[in-house]
Amino acid sequence: MVSAIVGTNLIKIEEELLEEMSLAPSQQLEEQVSDIIRNGTNGLSCNASLTTQDGENVGIDCVTSDKHVIWHIYPN
């Protein structure tokens, strides 16, 4: 799984990240993704390693530039 999500609607971005990782995410996974979104939009590091519901290890990182944030999902 390799994906990049770009946009301005934070709710949609969170939904897309969760959809990329699982069709039925756990509450823990939802909270982790929410933290990653919040960190990225606040200019903090959002480098994280997560395990999907299918047991796949993925990394999520973000790149910030001015007002833009790009979240990148990649195999870990």
Protein backbone atom coordinates (compact mmCIF):
# COMPACT_ATOMS: atom_id res chain seq x y z
CA MET A 1 0.00 0.00 0.00
CA VAL A 2 1.39 3.35 -1.05
CA SER A 3 -0.87 6.35 -1.10
CA ALA A 4 -0.81 10.12 -0.80
CA ILE A 5 -3.75 12.23 0.27
CA VAL A 6 -3.96 15.96 -0.36
CA GLY A 7 -6.83 18.29 0.47
CA THR A 8 -8.26 20.93 2.75
CA ASN A 9 -11.23 19.10 4.29
CA LEU A 10 -9.70 17.49 7.40
CA ILE A 11 -12.70 15.23 8.01
CA LYS A 12 -12.47 13.88 4.45
CA ILE A 13 -8.70 13.42 4.78
CA GLU A 14 -9.19 11.44 7.99
CA GLU A 15 -11.87 9.29 6.32
CA GLU A 16 -9.58 8.64 3.33
CA LEU A 17 -6.64 7.66 5.55
CA LEU A 18 -8.82 5.24 7.50
CA GLU A 19 -10.30 3.81 4.30
CA GLU A 20 -6.81 3.22 2.92
CA MET A 21 -5.91 1.21 6.02
CA SER A 22 -9.13 -0.63 6.83
CA LEU A 23 -12.76 -0.96 5.81
CA ALA A 24 -13.70 -1.50 9.48
CA PRO A 25 -11.17 0.43 11.59
CA SER A 26 -10.97 -0.09 15.33
CA GLN A 27 -11.51 2.77 17.75
CA GLN A 28 -7.76 2.74 18.47
CA LEU A 29 -6.87 3.07 14.79
CA GLU A 30 -9.37 5.91 14.41
CA GLU A 31 -7.82 7.74 17.38
CA GLN A 32 -4.28 7.23 16.05
CA VAL A 33 -5.23 8.64 12.64
CA SER A 34 -7.01 11.57 14.29
CA ASP A 35 -3.81 12.35 16.25
CA ILE A 36 -1.75 12.17 13.05
CA ILE A 37 -4.10 14.60 11.28
CA ARG A 38 -4.06 16.98 14.24
CA ASN A 39 -0.26 16.89 14.50
CA GLY A 40 0.19 17.52 10.77
CA THR A 41 -2.20 20.45 10.70
CA ASN A 42 -0.53 21.97 13.77
CA GLY A 43 2.94 21.78 12.22
CA LEU A 44 4.07 18.93 14.47
CA SER A 45 5.71 15.72 13.37
CA CYS A 46 3.21 13.15 12.17
CA ASN A 47 5.67 10.36 11.49
CA ALA A 48 3.89 7.25 12.77
CA SER A 49 3.88 3.51 12.40
CA LEU A 50 0.50 1.78 12.53
CA THR A 51 -0.86 -1.72 12.13
CA THR A 52 -3.97 -2.08 9.98
CA GLN A 53 -6.89 -4.33 10.86
CA ASP A 54 -5.39 -6.85 8.40
CA GLY A 55 -2.12 -6.89 10.36
CA GLU A 56 -0.19 -4.90 7.74
CA ASN A 57 2.40 -2.49 9.12
CA VAL A 58 2.27 0.92 7.47
CA GLY A 59 4.00 4.20 8.04
CA ILE A 60 2.36 7.58 7.77
CA ASP A 61 4.34 10.74 7.37
CA CYS A 62 3.43 14.25 6.38
CA VAL A 63 5.12 17.03 4.53
CA THR A 64 4.12 20.60 5.34
CA SER A 65 4.66 23.62 3.17
CA ASP A 66 3.10 26.93 4.13
CA LYS A 67 -0.60 26.09 4.60
CA HIS A 68 -0.45 22.73 2.81
CA VAL A 69 -0.03 19.30 4.36
CA ILE A 70 0.53 16.10 2.40
CA TRP A 71 0.02 12.79 4.19
CA HIS A 72 1.94 9.83 2.78
CA ILE A 73 1.10 6.20 3.59
CA TYR A 74 3.74 3.58 2.82
CA PRO A 75 4.64 -0.04 3.69
CA ASN A 76 6.68 -0.27 6.84
